[in-house]
Amino acid sequence: TDVDIANGCLFIRHGKGGKDRKVGLSTLVIEAIQSHLAKTLPQKYLLEGHKGQPLTRHALHKRIQRIAMRVDITAYPHALRRSFVTRNANMGRPLVLLQKACGHENIKTTMSYCMTTEQDVVTAMKEWY
């Protein structure tokens, strides 16, 4: 019930700091959700854990690790958050929007998620006026 495909948004319950918020869903994410739902039996939760219970943080962490091992990489949920911020910041997305998307109270937290290297800065500055 927290996924609103028609309006392209997701309601996050008890996110960072126990706060609720809404986030937008891209067309790609909406298509992935619709594909997932088409392949599964009717269920109460979008992603279910053991015996139809909601997927816990621990279970999600384990799933991400299992998937990462299959493709021989290291991944964990927090790294995905950092990657989300870094990629979108590098694409020019405003940090204040990324702050809200991540549920950060302080924009300094969002800024600390950006994993920009010195070479990234050098490359970008070559196109500056």
Protein backbone atom coordinates (compact mmCIF):
# COMPACT_ATOMS: atom_id res chain seq x y z
CA THR A 1 0.00 0.00 0.00
CA ASP A 2 3.05 2.28 0.33
CA VAL A 3 3.85 1.97 -3.38
CA ASP A 4 1.86 4.46 -5.45
CA ILE A 5 2.60 3.47 -9.04
CA ALA A 6 0.00 5.85 -10.48
CA ASN A 7 1.74 8.86 -8.92
CA GLY A 8 5.26 7.44 -9.11
CA CYS A 9 6.10 7.59 -5.43
CA LEU A 10 6.89 5.42 -2.45
CA PHE A 11 6.07 6.12 1.18
CA ILE A 12 8.99 5.25 3.45
CA ARG A 13 7.91 4.28 6.96
CA HIS A 14 10.39 4.61 9.79
CA GLY A 15 13.36 5.51 7.59
CA LYS A 16 16.58 7.13 8.76
CA GLY A 17 16.07 8.50 12.24
CA GLY A 18 12.68 6.76 12.46
CA LYS A 19 11.13 9.40 10.20
CA ASP A 20 8.55 8.87 7.47
CA ARG A 21 8.96 10.43 4.01
CA LYS A 22 7.96 10.07 0.37
CA VAL A 23 10.39 9.45 -2.46
CA GLY A 24 9.85 9.48 -6.20
CA LEU A 25 10.06 6.42 -8.41
CA SER A 26 11.69 6.61 -11.83
CA THR A 27 10.08 4.99 -14.85
CA LEU A 28 12.73 2.27 -14.70
CA VAL A 29 11.91 1.49 -11.05
CA ILE A 30 8.17 1.49 -11.74
CA GLU A 31 8.70 -0.96 -14.61
CA ALA A 32 10.82 -3.20 -12.36
CA ILE A 33 8.13 -3.17 -9.65
CA GLN A 34 5.40 -3.98 -12.17
CA SER A 35 7.51 -6.82 -13.59
CA HIS A 36 8.13 -8.18 -10.09
CA LEU A 37 4.45 -8.03 -9.21
CA ALA A 38 3.49 -9.78 -12.45
CA LYS A 39 5.81 -12.70 -11.55
CA THR A 40 4.68 -13.15 -7.94
CA LEU A 41 1.54 -14.40 -6.31
CA PRO A 42 -0.55 -11.76 -4.61
CA GLN A 43 1.31 -10.78 -1.47
CA LYS A 44 0.96 -8.30 1.34
CA TYR A 45 4.46 -6.80 0.98
CA LEU A 46 6.40 -5.82 -2.13
CA LEU A 47 9.44 -7.70 -0.82
CA GLU A 48 8.67 -10.46 1.62
CA GLY A 49 10.92 -12.25 4.00
CA HIS A 50 10.42 -15.55 5.77
CA LYS A 51 6.83 -16.88 5.76
CA GLY A 52 5.34 -13.77 4.14
CA GLN A 53 6.63 -11.39 6.78
CA PRO A 54 8.02 -7.97 5.82
CA LEU A 55 11.62 -8.07 4.69
CA THR A 56 13.83 -7.01 7.61
CA ARG A 57 16.97 -4.88 7.35
CA HIS A 58 19.06 -7.92 8.22
CA ALA A 59 17.39 -10.09 5.56
CA LEU A 60 17.83 -7.34 2.95
CA HIS A 61 21.52 -7.06 3.86
CA LYS A 62 21.95 -10.83 3.41
CA ARG A 63 20.12 -10.78 0.04
CA ILE A 64 22.33 -7.98 -1.25
CA GLN A 65 25.44 -9.86 -0.13
CA ARG A 66 24.27 -13.09 -1.83
CA ILE A 67 23.56 -11.27 -5.10
CA ALA A 68 26.92 -9.47 -4.91
CA MET A 69 28.76 -12.76 -4.35
CA ARG A 70 27.16 -14.18 -7.52
CA VAL A 71 28.78 -11.41 -9.58
CA ASP A 72 31.99 -11.36 -7.53
CA ILE A 73 31.66 -7.92 -5.98
CA THR A 74 31.32 -6.60 -2.44
CA ALA A 75 28.11 -4.72 -1.74
CA TYR A 76 26.03 -3.75 1.22
CA PRO A 77 22.96 -1.50 1.64
CA HIS A 78 24.83 1.53 2.91
CA ALA A 79 27.22 1.38 -0.06
CA LEU A 80 24.19 1.53 -2.34
CA ARG A 81 23.03 4.71 -0.57
CA ARG A 82 26.49 6.25 -1.01
CA SER A 83 26.53 5.23 -4.67
CA PHE A 84 23.07 6.76 -5.17
CA VAL A 85 24.22 10.09 -3.74
CA THR A 86 27.55 10.12 -5.58
CA ARG A 87 26.09 9.22 -8.98
CA ASN A 88 23.26 11.72 -8.73
CA ALA A 89 25.48 14.50 -7.41
CA ASN A 90 27.86 13.85 -10.32
CA MET A 91 24.87 14.16 -12.67
CA GLY A 92 24.18 17.63 -11.28
CA ARG A 93 21.25 16.78 -9.02
CA PRO A 94 20.89 19.39 -6.26
CA LEU A 95 22.31 18.20 -2.94
CA VAL A 96 19.25 19.50 -1.09
CA LEU A 97 17.06 17.09 -3.11
CA LEU A 98 19.46 14.23 -2.44
CA GLN A 99 19.38 15.16 1.24
CA LYS A 100 15.59 14.83 1.29
CA ALA A 101 15.65 11.61 -0.73
CA CYS A 102 18.04 10.03 1.78
CA GLY A 103 16.22 11.38 4.80
CA HIS A 104 19.27 13.21 6.09
CA GLU A 105 18.56 15.91 8.63
CA ASN A 106 21.84 17.70 7.94
CA ILE A 107 23.12 18.36 4.41
CA LYS A 108 26.67 17.74 5.66
CA THR A 109 25.74 14.07 5.99
CA THR A 110 24.65 14.03 2.34
CA MET A 111 27.85 15.79 1.32
CA SER A 112 29.90 13.18 3.19
CA TYR A 113 28.23 10.46 1.09
CA CYS A 114 29.71 11.90 -2.11
CA MET A 115 32.71 9.79 -2.98
CA THR A 116 34.25 12.25 -5.40
CA THR A 117 37.93 11.74 -6.15
CA GLU A 118 40.53 14.36 -6.90
CA GLN A 119 40.64 13.09 -10.50
CA ASP A 120 36.86 13.62 -10.76
CA VAL A 121 37.41 17.27 -9.81
CA VAL A 122 40.30 17.71 -12.27
CA THR A 123 38.27 16.18 -15.11
CA ALA A 124 35.18 18.27 -14.34
CA MET A 125 37.13 21.52 -14.05
CA LYS A 126 38.52 21.13 -17.56
CA GLU A 127 35.06 22.04 -18.86
CA TRP A 128 34.47 24.98 -16.51
CA TYR A 129 34.67 28.60 -17.65
